[in-house]
């Protein structure tokens, strides 16, 4: 649908875009800030803290409904 509308950028979940753009191995070098609904925050936390081993003090978020 996005391609049909002329969109040529990334299509998918934000945590997948971040992982693809930065790379899991470089993720611990960054402070991560995100906000959104709980399922999105949970996906970002899984990707950052568990998969990419980002220290908890480098992950900042605001979860809202």
C-alpha atoms as a PDB file:
ATOM      1  CA  UNK A   1       0.000   0.000   0.000  1.00  0.00           C
ATOM      2  CA  UNK A   2       2.782   2.455   0.881  1.00  0.00           C
ATOM      3  CA  UNK A   3       4.594   1.663  -2.358  1.00  0.00           C
ATOM      4  CA  UNK A   4       1.390   2.248  -4.305  1.00  0.00           C
ATOM      5  CA  UNK A   5       1.178   5.720  -2.754  1.00  0.00           C
ATOM      6  CA  UNK A   6       4.705   6.504  -3.956  1.00  0.00           C
ATOM      7  CA  UNK A   7       6.515   5.902  -0.654  1.00  0.00           C
ATOM      8  CA  UNK A   8      10.094   4.750  -1.184  1.00  0.00           C
ATOM      9  CA  UNK A   9      11.275   4.754   2.440  1.00  0.00           C
ATOM     10  CA  UNK A  10      11.330   2.005   5.045  1.00  0.00           C
ATOM     11  CA  UNK A  11       8.108   0.096   5.674  1.00  0.00           C
ATOM     12  CA  UNK A  12       7.784  -1.893   8.891  1.00  0.00           C
ATOM     13  CA  UNK A  13       8.208  -1.644  12.632  1.00  0.00           C
ATOM     14  CA  UNK A  14      10.338   1.115  14.161  1.00  0.00           C
ATOM     15  CA  UNK A  15      12.590  -1.287  16.095  1.00  0.00           C
ATOM     16  CA  UNK A  16      13.391  -3.138  12.854  1.00  0.00           C
ATOM     17  CA  UNK A  17      14.346   0.146  11.188  1.00  0.00           C
ATOM     18  CA  UNK A  18      16.601   1.080  14.112  1.00  0.00           C
ATOM     19  CA  UNK A  19      18.273  -2.340  14.129  1.00  0.00           C
ATOM     20  CA  UNK A  20      18.829  -2.154  10.356  1.00  0.00           C
ATOM     21  CA  UNK A  21      20.076   1.447  10.427  1.00  0.00           C
ATOM     22  CA  UNK A  22      22.433   1.242  13.410  1.00  0.00           C
ATOM     23  CA  UNK A  23      23.271  -2.442  13.610  1.00  0.00           C
ATOM     24  CA  UNK A  24      22.946  -4.623  16.700  1.00  0.00           C
ATOM     25  CA  UNK A  25      26.670  -4.601  17.384  1.00  0.00           C
ATOM     26  CA  UNK A  26      26.807  -0.775  17.515  1.00  0.00           C
ATOM     27  CA  UNK A  27      23.592  -0.276  19.479  1.00  0.00           C
ATOM     28  CA  UNK A  28      25.325  -0.162  22.923  1.00  0.00           C
ATOM     29  CA  UNK A  29      27.187   2.968  21.737  1.00  0.00           C
ATOM     30  CA  UNK A  30      23.937   4.987  21.702  1.00  0.00           C
ATOM     31  CA  UNK A  31      21.374   6.476  24.049  1.00  0.00           C
ATOM     32  CA  UNK A  32      17.964   5.279  22.861  1.00  0.00           C
ATOM     33  CA  UNK A  33      14.812   7.378  23.237  1.00  0.00           C
ATOM     34  CA  UNK A  34      11.383   6.157  22.183  1.00  0.00           C
ATOM     35  CA  UNK A  35       7.731   6.737  22.956  1.00  0.00           C
ATOM     36  CA  UNK A  36       4.551   5.013  21.909  1.00  0.00           C
ATOM     37  CA  UNK A  37       2.017   2.386  22.867  1.00  0.00           C
ATOM     38  CA  UNK A  38       3.051  -0.522  25.123  1.00  0.00           C
ATOM     39  CA  UNK A  39       3.462  -3.119  22.319  1.00  0.00           C
ATOM     40  CA  UNK A  40       5.878  -0.834  20.492  1.00  0.00           C
ATOM     41  CA  UNK A  41       7.850  -0.051  23.662  1.00  0.00           C
ATOM     42  CA  UNK A  42       8.041  -3.770  24.495  1.00  0.00           C
ATOM     43  CA  UNK A  43       9.410  -4.532  21.014  1.00  0.00           C
ATOM     44  CA  UNK A  44      12.015  -1.767  21.288  1.00  0.00           C
ATOM     45  CA  UNK A  45      13.023  -2.922  24.786  1.00  0.00           C
ATOM     46  CA  UNK A  46      13.412  -6.528  23.577  1.00  0.00           C
ATOM     47  CA  UNK A  47      15.530  -5.438  20.628  1.00  0.00           C
ATOM     48  CA  UNK A  48      17.675  -3.009  22.630  1.00  0.00           C
ATOM     49  CA  UNK A  49      18.108  -4.532  26.083  1.00  0.00           C
ATOM     50  CA  UNK A  50      17.926  -8.234  25.305  1.00  0.00           C
ATOM     51  CA  UNK A  51      19.058  -8.702  21.695  1.00  0.00           C
ATOM     52  CA  UNK A  52      21.555  -5.829  21.424  1.00  0.00           C
ATOM     53  CA  UNK A  53      22.734  -5.698  25.078  1.00  0.00           C
ATOM     54  CA  UNK A  54      22.213  -1.940  25.468  1.00  0.00           C
ATOM     55  CA  UNK A  55      22.756  -0.998  29.143  1.00  0.00           C
ATOM     56  CA  UNK A  56      19.441  -0.151  30.849  1.00  0.00           C
ATOM     57  CA  UNK A  57      20.588   3.382  31.760  1.00  0.00           C
ATOM     58  CA  UNK A  58      20.946   4.150  28.034  1.00  0.00           C
ATOM     59  CA  UNK A  59      17.318   3.278  27.217  1.00  0.00           C
ATOM     60  CA  UNK A  60      14.696   5.976  27.767  1.00  0.00           C
ATOM     61  CA  UNK A  61      11.002   5.654  26.945  1.00  0.00           C
ATOM     62  CA  UNK A  62       7.535   7.009  27.493  1.00  0.00           C
ATOM     63  CA  UNK A  63       4.756   4.450  27.158  1.00  0.00           C
ATOM     64  CA  UNK A  64       1.219   5.654  26.585  1.00  0.00           C
ATOM     65  CA  UNK A  65      -2.130   4.237  25.524  1.00  0.00           C
END
